N, C-alpha and C. Protein backbone atom coordinates (compact mmCIF):
# COMPACT_ATOMS: atom_id res chain seq x y z
N MET A 1 -19.09 54.56 -58.19
CA MET A 1 -18.22 54.85 -57.03
C MET A 1 -17.17 55.91 -57.27
N ASN A 2 -17.16 56.99 -56.47
CA ASN A 2 -16.28 58.02 -56.78
C ASN A 2 -16.46 58.65 -58.22
N GLY A 3 -17.73 58.71 -58.69
CA GLY A 3 -17.98 59.23 -59.92
C GLY A 3 -17.83 58.25 -61.17
N GLU A 4 -17.41 57.13 -60.90
CA GLU A 4 -17.26 56.13 -61.93
C GLU A 4 -18.21 54.95 -61.70
N GLU A 5 -18.38 54.18 -62.80
CA GLU A 5 -19.22 53.02 -62.71
C GLU A 5 -18.71 52.08 -61.65
N LEU A 6 -19.60 51.47 -60.90
CA LEU A 6 -19.21 50.62 -59.83
C LEU A 6 -18.44 49.37 -60.35
N PRO A 7 -17.11 49.22 -59.89
CA PRO A 7 -16.30 48.15 -60.34
C PRO A 7 -16.86 46.84 -59.89
N ARG A 8 -16.46 45.73 -60.57
CA ARG A 8 -16.98 44.40 -60.23
C ARG A 8 -16.56 43.94 -58.88
N ASP A 9 -15.27 44.27 -58.41
CA ASP A 9 -14.72 43.96 -57.06
C ASP A 9 -15.52 44.58 -55.99
N HIS A 10 -16.32 45.65 -56.31
CA HIS A 10 -17.12 46.33 -55.41
C HIS A 10 -18.61 46.12 -55.49
N GLY A 11 -19.02 45.10 -56.32
CA GLY A 11 -20.33 44.65 -56.36
C GLY A 11 -21.14 44.94 -57.70
N PHE A 12 -20.42 45.39 -58.74
CA PHE A 12 -21.09 45.69 -60.01
C PHE A 12 -22.03 44.54 -60.30
N PRO A 13 -23.22 44.80 -60.75
CA PRO A 13 -23.89 45.94 -61.21
C PRO A 13 -24.63 46.75 -60.09
N LEU A 14 -24.77 46.05 -58.92
CA LEU A 14 -25.66 46.61 -57.88
C LEU A 14 -25.14 46.23 -56.46
N ARG A 15 -25.10 47.26 -55.53
CA ARG A 15 -24.64 46.88 -54.15
C ARG A 15 -25.50 47.70 -53.21
N ALA A 16 -25.86 47.15 -52.13
CA ALA A 16 -26.65 47.76 -51.06
C ALA A 16 -25.66 48.42 -50.11
N VAL A 17 -25.69 49.81 -50.04
CA VAL A 17 -24.81 50.54 -49.12
C VAL A 17 -25.84 51.26 -48.11
N VAL A 18 -25.52 51.01 -46.83
CA VAL A 18 -26.43 51.41 -45.81
C VAL A 18 -25.58 52.32 -44.86
N PRO A 19 -25.63 53.75 -45.03
CA PRO A 19 -24.79 54.59 -44.25
C PRO A 19 -25.01 54.35 -42.80
N GLY A 20 -23.90 54.29 -42.00
CA GLY A 20 -24.00 54.21 -40.57
C GLY A 20 -24.09 52.74 -40.06
N ILE A 21 -24.25 51.87 -40.92
CA ILE A 21 -24.46 50.50 -40.47
C ILE A 21 -23.18 49.74 -40.88
N VAL A 22 -22.85 48.69 -39.99
CA VAL A 22 -21.64 47.98 -40.15
C VAL A 22 -21.45 47.36 -41.55
N GLY A 23 -20.24 47.41 -42.14
CA GLY A 23 -19.94 46.95 -43.51
C GLY A 23 -20.40 45.70 -43.83
N ALA A 24 -20.54 44.79 -42.94
CA ALA A 24 -21.05 43.44 -43.17
C ALA A 24 -22.40 43.38 -43.68
N ARG A 25 -23.16 44.50 -43.52
CA ARG A 25 -24.55 44.57 -43.95
C ARG A 25 -24.63 45.21 -45.22
N ASN A 26 -23.47 45.62 -45.89
CA ASN A 26 -23.42 46.40 -47.22
C ASN A 26 -23.12 45.34 -48.16
N VAL A 27 -24.05 44.64 -48.59
CA VAL A 27 -23.96 43.29 -49.36
C VAL A 27 -23.54 43.60 -50.84
N LYS A 28 -22.45 42.83 -51.31
CA LYS A 28 -22.03 42.84 -52.63
C LYS A 28 -22.80 41.87 -53.56
N TRP A 29 -22.84 42.13 -54.74
CA TRP A 29 -23.35 41.17 -55.73
C TRP A 29 -24.82 40.71 -55.38
N LEU A 30 -25.67 41.73 -55.26
CA LEU A 30 -27.09 41.27 -54.98
C LEU A 30 -27.79 40.49 -55.99
N GLY A 31 -28.42 39.41 -55.57
CA GLY A 31 -29.17 38.51 -56.39
C GLY A 31 -30.67 38.93 -56.40
N LYS A 32 -31.05 39.25 -55.23
CA LYS A 32 -32.47 39.72 -55.00
C LYS A 32 -32.56 40.58 -53.77
N ILE A 33 -33.52 41.24 -53.68
CA ILE A 33 -33.97 42.11 -52.49
C ILE A 33 -35.17 41.67 -51.94
N ILE A 34 -35.27 41.34 -50.62
CA ILE A 34 -36.47 40.93 -49.92
C ILE A 34 -36.76 41.95 -48.84
N VAL A 35 -37.95 42.56 -48.96
CA VAL A 35 -38.42 43.48 -47.83
C VAL A 35 -39.17 42.66 -46.89
N SER A 36 -38.77 42.70 -45.67
CA SER A 36 -39.40 41.75 -44.71
C SER A 36 -39.43 42.46 -43.38
N ALA A 37 -40.42 42.12 -42.51
CA ALA A 37 -40.50 42.57 -41.13
C ALA A 37 -39.80 41.85 -40.26
N GLU A 38 -39.16 40.72 -40.69
CA GLU A 38 -38.40 39.89 -39.80
C GLU A 38 -36.92 39.90 -40.32
N GLU A 39 -35.99 39.72 -39.33
CA GLU A 39 -34.61 39.64 -39.58
C GLU A 39 -34.28 38.55 -40.47
N SER A 40 -33.26 38.78 -41.29
CA SER A 40 -32.81 37.59 -42.20
C SER A 40 -32.38 36.45 -41.37
N LYS A 41 -32.68 35.21 -42.04
CA LYS A 41 -32.23 34.02 -41.38
C LYS A 41 -30.87 33.53 -41.88
N SER A 42 -30.14 34.28 -42.69
CA SER A 42 -28.90 33.94 -43.29
C SER A 42 -27.81 33.67 -42.13
N HIS A 43 -26.88 32.83 -42.48
CA HIS A 43 -25.84 32.46 -41.54
C HIS A 43 -25.07 33.84 -41.00
N TRP A 44 -24.87 34.72 -41.89
CA TRP A 44 -23.96 35.86 -41.42
C TRP A 44 -24.79 36.66 -40.44
N GLN A 45 -26.14 36.81 -40.63
CA GLN A 45 -26.95 37.60 -39.71
C GLN A 45 -27.13 36.88 -38.38
N GLN A 46 -27.30 35.56 -38.47
CA GLN A 46 -27.61 34.84 -37.23
C GLN A 46 -26.46 34.15 -36.47
N ASN A 47 -25.47 33.80 -37.19
CA ASN A 47 -24.34 33.10 -36.55
C ASN A 47 -22.99 33.50 -36.77
N ASP A 48 -22.80 34.85 -37.01
CA ASP A 48 -21.35 35.25 -37.28
C ASP A 48 -21.06 36.65 -36.59
N TYR A 49 -21.70 37.67 -37.21
CA TYR A 49 -21.23 39.07 -36.70
C TYR A 49 -22.03 39.40 -35.58
N LYS A 50 -21.52 38.95 -34.34
CA LYS A 50 -22.22 39.20 -33.06
C LYS A 50 -20.99 39.44 -32.00
N GLY A 51 -21.33 40.23 -30.97
CA GLY A 51 -20.40 40.53 -29.93
C GLY A 51 -20.75 39.80 -28.64
N PHE A 52 -19.71 39.23 -27.97
CA PHE A 52 -19.95 38.44 -26.72
C PHE A 52 -19.05 38.96 -25.66
N SER A 53 -19.33 38.59 -24.34
CA SER A 53 -18.62 38.79 -23.28
C SER A 53 -17.12 38.18 -23.41
N PRO A 54 -16.03 38.84 -22.72
CA PRO A 54 -14.80 38.20 -22.85
C PRO A 54 -14.75 36.80 -22.27
N SER A 55 -15.81 36.50 -21.43
CA SER A 55 -15.77 35.11 -20.73
C SER A 55 -16.35 34.05 -21.71
N VAL A 56 -16.91 34.42 -22.84
CA VAL A 56 -17.52 33.42 -23.76
C VAL A 56 -16.42 32.86 -24.64
N ASP A 57 -16.47 31.65 -24.83
CA ASP A 57 -15.50 30.97 -25.72
C ASP A 57 -16.27 30.13 -26.73
N TRP A 58 -15.44 29.43 -27.68
CA TRP A 58 -16.11 28.58 -28.73
C TRP A 58 -16.98 27.35 -28.06
N ASP A 59 -16.66 26.95 -26.91
CA ASP A 59 -17.43 25.88 -26.29
C ASP A 59 -18.69 26.36 -25.59
N THR A 60 -18.71 27.55 -25.29
CA THR A 60 -19.89 28.12 -24.50
C THR A 60 -20.75 29.12 -25.32
N VAL A 61 -20.42 29.46 -26.50
CA VAL A 61 -21.12 30.54 -27.21
C VAL A 61 -22.43 30.02 -27.71
N ASP A 62 -23.40 30.92 -27.52
CA ASP A 62 -24.84 30.76 -27.99
C ASP A 62 -25.19 31.85 -28.96
N PHE A 63 -25.01 31.74 -30.22
CA PHE A 63 -25.27 32.91 -31.08
C PHE A 63 -26.65 33.46 -31.04
N LYS A 64 -27.55 32.64 -30.69
CA LYS A 64 -29.00 33.07 -30.43
C LYS A 64 -29.12 34.09 -29.33
N SER A 65 -28.20 34.14 -28.48
CA SER A 65 -28.21 34.97 -27.20
C SER A 65 -27.87 36.45 -27.48
N ALA A 66 -27.38 36.81 -28.64
CA ALA A 66 -26.89 38.14 -28.97
C ALA A 66 -27.49 38.67 -30.12
N PRO A 67 -27.72 39.92 -30.19
CA PRO A 67 -28.30 40.60 -31.47
C PRO A 67 -27.08 40.69 -32.49
N ALA A 68 -27.43 40.74 -33.68
CA ALA A 68 -26.45 40.96 -34.83
C ALA A 68 -25.94 42.40 -34.68
N ILE A 69 -24.66 42.54 -35.01
CA ILE A 69 -24.03 43.93 -34.92
C ILE A 69 -24.59 44.72 -36.13
N GLN A 70 -25.14 45.88 -35.88
CA GLN A 70 -25.66 46.80 -36.82
C GLN A 70 -24.79 48.09 -36.99
N GLU A 71 -24.37 48.64 -35.79
CA GLU A 71 -23.62 49.86 -35.72
C GLU A 71 -22.27 49.50 -35.08
N LEU A 72 -21.22 50.32 -35.54
CA LEU A 72 -19.85 50.16 -34.90
C LEU A 72 -19.64 51.12 -33.83
N PRO A 73 -18.77 50.84 -32.90
CA PRO A 73 -18.40 51.82 -31.81
C PRO A 73 -17.51 52.84 -32.41
N ILE A 74 -17.45 53.98 -31.59
CA ILE A 74 -16.49 55.04 -31.83
C ILE A 74 -15.03 54.48 -31.98
N GLN A 75 -14.31 55.03 -33.02
CA GLN A 75 -12.90 54.58 -33.12
C GLN A 75 -12.16 55.73 -33.80
N SER A 76 -10.79 55.58 -33.60
CA SER A 76 -9.95 56.52 -34.14
C SER A 76 -8.61 55.89 -34.43
N ALA A 77 -7.72 56.52 -35.25
CA ALA A 77 -6.38 55.97 -35.52
C ALA A 77 -5.48 57.05 -35.89
N ILE A 78 -4.21 56.86 -35.54
CA ILE A 78 -3.08 57.78 -35.99
C ILE A 78 -2.58 57.33 -37.30
N THR A 79 -2.44 58.33 -38.25
CA THR A 79 -1.80 57.98 -39.55
C THR A 79 -0.45 58.59 -39.66
N GLU A 80 -0.15 59.59 -38.91
CA GLU A 80 1.17 60.25 -38.92
C GLU A 80 1.53 60.72 -37.59
N PRO A 81 2.62 60.42 -36.93
CA PRO A 81 3.70 59.66 -37.61
C PRO A 81 3.49 58.15 -37.55
N ARG A 82 4.21 57.39 -38.29
CA ARG A 82 3.92 55.97 -38.31
C ARG A 82 4.67 55.27 -37.17
N ASP A 83 4.17 54.14 -36.82
CA ASP A 83 4.76 53.36 -35.74
C ASP A 83 6.27 53.13 -36.00
N GLY A 84 7.14 53.40 -35.18
CA GLY A 84 8.62 53.14 -35.38
C GLY A 84 9.37 54.32 -35.99
N ALA A 85 8.64 55.38 -36.31
CA ALA A 85 9.35 56.40 -36.95
C ALA A 85 10.37 57.10 -36.08
N LEU A 86 11.39 57.74 -36.67
CA LEU A 86 12.33 58.52 -36.11
C LEU A 86 12.08 60.00 -36.31
N LEU A 87 11.81 60.81 -35.24
CA LEU A 87 11.45 62.11 -35.29
C LEU A 87 12.64 62.97 -34.92
N GLU A 88 12.80 64.19 -35.65
CA GLU A 88 13.78 65.16 -35.37
C GLU A 88 13.34 66.11 -34.20
N ARG A 89 13.95 66.14 -33.13
CA ARG A 89 13.74 67.13 -32.02
C ARG A 89 13.92 68.64 -32.47
N SER A 90 14.81 68.83 -33.52
CA SER A 90 15.05 70.13 -33.87
C SER A 90 13.85 71.02 -34.37
N GLY A 91 12.85 70.25 -34.83
CA GLY A 91 11.53 70.86 -35.20
C GLY A 91 10.78 71.53 -34.03
N GLU A 92 11.16 71.12 -32.79
CA GLU A 92 10.56 71.63 -31.63
C GLU A 92 9.04 71.20 -31.41
N GLN A 93 8.40 70.93 -32.45
CA GLN A 93 7.01 70.44 -32.34
C GLN A 93 6.82 69.06 -33.13
N VAL A 94 5.98 68.35 -32.54
CA VAL A 94 5.47 67.01 -33.37
C VAL A 94 4.23 67.26 -33.77
N THR A 95 3.81 66.82 -35.02
CA THR A 95 2.58 66.94 -35.62
C THR A 95 2.09 65.44 -35.71
N VAL A 96 0.81 65.30 -35.20
CA VAL A 96 0.05 64.01 -35.16
C VAL A 96 -1.17 64.14 -35.91
N ARG A 97 -1.41 63.36 -36.91
CA ARG A 97 -2.69 63.34 -37.74
C ARG A 97 -3.31 62.05 -37.68
N GLY A 98 -4.63 62.01 -37.89
CA GLY A 98 -5.33 60.71 -38.01
C GLY A 98 -6.77 60.95 -38.38
N TYR A 99 -7.59 59.87 -38.19
CA TYR A 99 -8.99 59.95 -38.51
C TYR A 99 -9.74 59.40 -37.41
N ALA A 100 -11.13 59.69 -37.36
CA ALA A 100 -12.01 59.13 -36.27
C ALA A 100 -13.38 58.95 -37.02
N TRP A 101 -14.08 58.09 -36.43
CA TRP A 101 -15.48 57.80 -37.02
C TRP A 101 -16.30 57.12 -35.82
N SER A 102 -17.60 57.29 -35.98
CA SER A 102 -18.49 56.62 -34.99
C SER A 102 -19.70 56.09 -35.88
N GLY A 103 -20.20 54.88 -35.43
CA GLY A 103 -21.40 54.33 -36.12
C GLY A 103 -22.71 55.00 -35.85
N GLY A 104 -23.67 54.53 -36.72
CA GLY A 104 -25.01 55.07 -36.45
C GLY A 104 -25.24 56.52 -36.87
N GLY A 105 -24.38 57.05 -37.57
CA GLY A 105 -24.44 58.49 -38.00
C GLY A 105 -24.11 59.47 -36.82
N ARG A 106 -23.50 58.99 -35.79
CA ARG A 106 -23.13 59.81 -34.63
C ARG A 106 -21.83 60.63 -35.07
N GLU A 107 -21.78 61.88 -34.74
CA GLU A 107 -20.68 62.73 -35.20
C GLU A 107 -19.47 62.71 -34.10
N VAL A 108 -18.38 62.55 -34.64
CA VAL A 108 -17.15 62.80 -33.73
C VAL A 108 -17.05 64.24 -33.28
N VAL A 109 -17.05 64.49 -32.05
CA VAL A 109 -17.01 65.88 -31.57
C VAL A 109 -15.57 66.19 -30.86
N ARG A 110 -14.83 65.21 -30.57
CA ARG A 110 -13.55 65.53 -30.10
C ARG A 110 -12.57 64.32 -30.21
N VAL A 111 -11.25 64.61 -30.38
CA VAL A 111 -10.23 63.64 -30.41
C VAL A 111 -9.18 64.10 -29.41
N ASP A 112 -8.90 63.21 -28.47
CA ASP A 112 -7.82 63.50 -27.47
C ASP A 112 -6.57 62.86 -27.89
N VAL A 113 -5.43 63.55 -27.79
CA VAL A 113 -4.12 62.88 -28.17
C VAL A 113 -3.13 63.12 -26.92
N SER A 114 -2.44 61.97 -26.66
CA SER A 114 -1.49 61.98 -25.67
C SER A 114 -0.01 61.61 -26.20
N LEU A 115 0.96 62.44 -25.82
CA LEU A 115 2.32 62.08 -26.18
C LEU A 115 3.08 61.34 -25.19
N ASP A 116 2.39 60.98 -24.12
CA ASP A 116 3.13 60.19 -23.01
C ASP A 116 2.32 59.02 -22.65
N GLY A 117 1.72 58.26 -23.61
CA GLY A 117 1.16 56.98 -23.25
C GLY A 117 -0.16 57.11 -22.57
N GLY A 118 -0.83 58.27 -22.44
CA GLY A 118 -2.13 58.37 -21.94
C GLY A 118 -2.03 59.09 -20.51
N LYS A 119 -0.98 59.59 -20.07
CA LYS A 119 -0.79 60.21 -18.76
C LYS A 119 -1.53 61.61 -18.80
N THR A 120 -1.16 62.35 -19.89
CA THR A 120 -1.72 63.72 -20.10
C THR A 120 -2.30 63.73 -21.50
N TRP A 121 -3.30 64.66 -21.76
CA TRP A 121 -3.92 64.69 -23.04
C TRP A 121 -4.05 66.14 -23.57
N GLN A 122 -4.14 66.25 -24.85
CA GLN A 122 -4.33 67.49 -25.55
C GLN A 122 -5.47 67.23 -26.56
N VAL A 123 -6.29 68.32 -26.87
CA VAL A 123 -7.41 68.16 -27.80
C VAL A 123 -6.92 68.53 -29.28
N ALA A 124 -7.08 67.59 -30.15
CA ALA A 124 -6.83 67.81 -31.56
C ALA A 124 -7.77 68.72 -32.21
N THR A 125 -7.33 69.43 -33.33
CA THR A 125 -8.23 70.16 -34.10
C THR A 125 -8.94 69.25 -35.13
N LEU A 126 -10.24 69.33 -35.17
CA LEU A 126 -11.07 68.57 -36.18
C LEU A 126 -11.07 69.24 -37.53
N ARG A 127 -10.87 68.54 -38.54
CA ARG A 127 -11.02 69.24 -39.90
C ARG A 127 -12.29 68.80 -40.35
N SER A 128 -13.21 69.87 -40.56
CA SER A 128 -14.57 69.61 -40.93
C SER A 128 -14.90 70.18 -42.34
N GLY A 129 -15.86 69.66 -42.92
CA GLY A 129 -16.23 70.11 -44.28
C GLY A 129 -16.93 71.48 -44.06
N GLU A 130 -17.60 71.93 -45.15
CA GLU A 130 -18.27 73.30 -45.10
C GLU A 130 -19.36 73.37 -43.97
N ASP A 131 -20.21 72.37 -44.01
CA ASP A 131 -21.32 72.44 -43.03
C ASP A 131 -21.36 71.16 -42.15
N ALA A 132 -21.79 71.26 -40.93
CA ALA A 132 -21.88 70.21 -40.08
C ALA A 132 -22.99 69.30 -40.62
N PRO A 133 -22.85 67.96 -40.53
CA PRO A 133 -23.89 67.19 -41.07
C PRO A 133 -25.11 67.18 -40.11
N PRO A 134 -26.35 66.93 -40.66
CA PRO A 134 -27.62 66.87 -39.96
C PRO A 134 -27.37 65.84 -38.72
N VAL A 135 -28.01 66.09 -37.53
CA VAL A 135 -27.86 65.13 -36.52
C VAL A 135 -28.26 63.75 -37.03
N GLY A 136 -27.39 62.74 -36.63
CA GLY A 136 -27.61 61.46 -36.96
C GLY A 136 -27.20 61.07 -38.37
N GLN A 137 -26.52 62.05 -39.15
CA GLN A 137 -26.17 61.74 -40.48
C GLN A 137 -24.63 61.91 -40.77
N ALA A 138 -23.87 61.73 -39.77
CA ALA A 138 -22.39 61.94 -39.84
C ALA A 138 -21.74 60.59 -40.27
N TRP A 139 -21.78 60.42 -41.70
CA TRP A 139 -21.41 59.18 -42.26
C TRP A 139 -19.84 59.09 -42.57
N ALA A 140 -19.32 60.27 -42.76
CA ALA A 140 -17.83 60.31 -43.14
C ALA A 140 -16.88 60.30 -42.02
N TRP A 141 -15.69 59.74 -42.30
CA TRP A 141 -14.59 59.98 -41.44
C TRP A 141 -14.27 61.43 -41.15
N LYS A 142 -13.83 61.72 -39.92
CA LYS A 142 -13.47 62.98 -39.50
C LYS A 142 -11.95 62.91 -39.35
N LEU A 143 -11.27 63.92 -40.12
CA LEU A 143 -9.87 63.97 -39.96
C LEU A 143 -9.46 64.90 -38.91
N TRP A 144 -8.34 64.70 -38.19
CA TRP A 144 -7.99 65.50 -37.13
C TRP A 144 -6.39 65.74 -37.18
N GLU A 145 -5.91 66.80 -36.43
CA GLU A 145 -4.53 67.13 -36.40
C GLU A 145 -4.17 67.75 -35.08
N LEU A 146 -2.94 67.52 -34.61
CA LEU A 146 -2.39 68.17 -33.42
C LEU A 146 -0.97 68.54 -33.53
N SER A 147 -0.59 69.73 -33.31
CA SER A 147 0.85 70.19 -33.29
C SER A 147 1.11 70.58 -31.88
N ALA A 148 2.15 69.85 -31.27
CA ALA A 148 2.39 70.26 -29.88
C ALA A 148 3.88 70.10 -29.66
N PRO A 149 4.35 70.89 -28.75
CA PRO A 149 5.86 70.77 -28.41
C PRO A 149 6.23 69.44 -27.89
N PHE A 150 7.45 69.04 -28.32
CA PHE A 150 7.95 67.71 -27.87
C PHE A 150 8.03 67.74 -26.36
N PRO A 151 7.78 66.66 -25.57
CA PRO A 151 8.04 66.59 -24.26
C PRO A 151 9.44 66.91 -23.99
N GLN A 152 9.79 67.50 -22.82
CA GLN A 152 11.14 67.89 -22.44
C GLN A 152 12.13 66.78 -22.48
N GLU A 153 11.84 65.72 -22.06
CA GLU A 153 12.80 64.58 -21.85
C GLU A 153 12.30 63.29 -22.55
N GLY A 154 13.17 62.45 -22.86
CA GLY A 154 12.87 61.11 -23.36
C GLY A 154 13.25 60.99 -24.93
N GLU A 155 13.63 59.80 -25.14
CA GLU A 155 14.00 59.51 -26.53
C GLU A 155 12.97 58.54 -27.22
N GLN A 156 11.97 58.24 -26.45
CA GLN A 156 10.91 57.49 -26.94
C GLN A 156 9.60 58.12 -26.62
N LEU A 157 8.68 58.13 -27.46
CA LEU A 157 7.29 58.67 -27.24
C LEU A 157 6.24 57.55 -27.59
N GLU A 158 5.25 57.47 -26.69
CA GLU A 158 4.08 56.69 -27.01
C GLU A 158 2.97 57.55 -27.30
N ILE A 159 2.52 57.75 -28.46
CA ILE A 159 1.46 58.65 -28.99
C ILE A 159 0.22 57.81 -28.94
N VAL A 160 -0.82 58.34 -28.33
CA VAL A 160 -2.17 57.68 -28.10
C VAL A 160 -3.17 58.61 -28.65
N CYS A 161 -4.31 58.06 -29.26
CA CYS A 161 -5.45 58.85 -29.59
C CYS A 161 -6.65 58.18 -29.03
N LYS A 162 -7.73 58.92 -28.77
CA LYS A 162 -9.04 58.34 -28.47
C LYS A 162 -10.16 59.47 -28.86
N ALA A 163 -11.21 59.01 -29.41
CA ALA A 163 -12.30 59.81 -29.94
C ALA A 163 -13.53 59.82 -29.10
N VAL A 164 -14.33 60.82 -29.20
CA VAL A 164 -15.52 61.01 -28.44
C VAL A 164 -16.55 61.46 -29.50
N ASP A 165 -17.80 60.80 -29.46
CA ASP A 165 -18.80 61.17 -30.30
C ASP A 165 -20.03 62.09 -29.64
N ASN A 166 -20.89 62.44 -30.44
CA ASN A 166 -21.95 63.45 -29.91
C ASN A 166 -22.89 62.73 -28.86
N SER A 167 -22.86 61.40 -28.66
CA SER A 167 -23.53 60.87 -27.56
C SER A 167 -22.61 60.58 -26.41
N TYR A 168 -21.26 61.07 -26.48
CA TYR A 168 -20.30 60.88 -25.44
C TYR A 168 -19.90 59.44 -25.26
N ASN A 169 -19.94 58.65 -26.35
CA ASN A 169 -19.29 57.39 -26.37
C ASN A 169 -17.83 57.66 -26.56
N MET A 170 -17.01 56.90 -25.82
CA MET A 170 -15.51 57.05 -25.83
C MET A 170 -14.86 55.85 -25.96
N GLN A 171 -13.68 55.75 -26.58
CA GLN A 171 -12.98 54.61 -26.81
C GLN A 171 -12.33 54.01 -25.49
N PRO A 172 -12.36 52.78 -25.26
CA PRO A 172 -11.80 52.26 -24.07
C PRO A 172 -10.21 52.19 -24.22
N ASP A 173 -9.60 52.17 -23.07
CA ASP A 173 -8.07 52.20 -23.13
C ASP A 173 -7.38 50.99 -23.64
N SER A 174 -8.05 49.91 -23.43
CA SER A 174 -7.34 48.56 -23.85
C SER A 174 -8.35 47.61 -24.40
N VAL A 175 -7.83 46.53 -25.05
CA VAL A 175 -8.65 45.61 -25.67
C VAL A 175 -9.29 44.50 -24.57
N ALA A 176 -8.48 44.37 -23.56
CA ALA A 176 -8.91 43.37 -22.53
C ALA A 176 -10.28 43.28 -22.14
N PRO A 177 -10.90 44.48 -21.74
CA PRO A 177 -12.27 44.40 -21.30
C PRO A 177 -13.35 44.23 -22.33
N ILE A 178 -12.91 44.51 -23.61
CA ILE A 178 -13.87 44.31 -24.77
C ILE A 178 -13.64 43.19 -25.73
N TRP A 179 -12.57 42.41 -25.25
CA TRP A 179 -12.29 41.30 -26.18
C TRP A 179 -13.35 40.26 -26.28
N ASN A 180 -13.57 39.66 -27.48
CA ASN A 180 -14.51 38.63 -27.73
C ASN A 180 -13.98 37.63 -28.71
N LEU A 181 -14.54 36.48 -28.72
CA LEU A 181 -14.03 35.35 -29.52
C LEU A 181 -14.07 35.67 -31.03
N ARG A 182 -14.92 36.47 -31.56
CA ARG A 182 -14.95 36.83 -32.91
C ARG A 182 -13.91 37.99 -33.26
N GLY A 183 -13.49 38.65 -32.28
CA GLY A 183 -12.53 39.72 -32.52
C GLY A 183 -13.16 41.01 -33.06
N VAL A 184 -14.47 41.10 -32.98
CA VAL A 184 -15.16 42.13 -33.64
C VAL A 184 -15.36 43.30 -32.48
N LEU A 185 -15.62 44.48 -33.07
CA LEU A 185 -15.89 45.69 -32.23
C LEU A 185 -14.76 46.10 -31.34
N SER A 186 -13.56 45.81 -31.91
CA SER A 186 -12.33 46.20 -31.24
C SER A 186 -12.02 47.65 -31.56
N ASN A 187 -12.03 48.48 -30.53
CA ASN A 187 -11.87 49.89 -30.84
C ASN A 187 -11.01 50.60 -29.71
N ALA A 188 -10.08 49.84 -29.11
CA ALA A 188 -9.29 50.48 -28.07
C ALA A 188 -8.54 51.66 -28.60
N TRP A 189 -7.83 52.37 -27.67
CA TRP A 189 -7.00 53.54 -27.99
C TRP A 189 -5.98 52.96 -29.07
N HIS A 190 -5.71 53.85 -29.98
CA HIS A 190 -4.66 53.52 -30.98
C HIS A 190 -3.33 54.09 -30.43
N ARG A 191 -2.22 53.22 -30.43
CA ARG A 191 -1.05 53.61 -29.89
C ARG A 191 0.13 53.46 -31.04
N VAL A 192 1.06 54.41 -31.01
CA VAL A 192 2.06 54.52 -31.93
C VAL A 192 3.30 54.86 -31.05
N ARG A 193 4.38 54.08 -31.30
CA ARG A 193 5.69 54.31 -30.62
C ARG A 193 6.64 54.81 -31.54
N VAL A 194 7.32 56.01 -31.22
CA VAL A 194 8.31 56.54 -32.12
C VAL A 194 9.53 56.80 -31.20
N SER A 195 10.67 57.13 -31.99
CA SER A 195 11.90 57.51 -31.32
C SER A 195 12.14 58.97 -31.63
N VAL A 196 12.80 59.61 -30.75
CA VAL A 196 13.13 61.04 -30.88
C VAL A 196 14.67 61.13 -30.99
N LYS A 197 15.21 61.77 -32.19
CA LYS A 197 16.56 61.97 -32.31
C LYS A 197 17.10 63.00 -31.43
N LYS A 198 18.18 62.83 -30.80
CA LYS A 198 18.88 63.74 -29.91
C LYS A 198 19.32 64.94 -30.87
N ASP A 199 19.44 66.14 -30.20
CA ASP A 199 19.93 67.36 -30.97
C ASP A 199 21.40 67.16 -31.20
């Protein structure tokens, strides 16, 4: 891992890593490998990592009614500035940085950033490697950055980001319509609230 022998905490001596597939399927500490035409009957595959309607609760859930999660939805997050940061308006511009990723090898093609809680949007610059990955093989996080003038007024900013992949999957604005009893697949817009220091 990273050019070194795989450490014990990460599955030494052998771990299955399947690019583009949810991490729950990247099994640590393999005891055996079975090649099968049928889905695994294990608890984790059959009765755990599955997504349900917001109306399903622990009294009504039927784990057999949903397929196991294999790919994750598009997601992004802000890494700078941090939530609660105090920004100096004297700089005239605010720089926002973060990362984005989509499951199934889908490439992130755009990240939209808002400085006013989602009322208006600007497109961030994507930081890419040397070559674009082959279609369906975008396994790595995509870093992004936006430098923009501070809004004219206000001592508080709500910075929001949302990503779009090459299938035009887009993050939802809130958790409520995608909530589920397991808490999985939660990929709503990431929000950071910061204060702006007066001149």
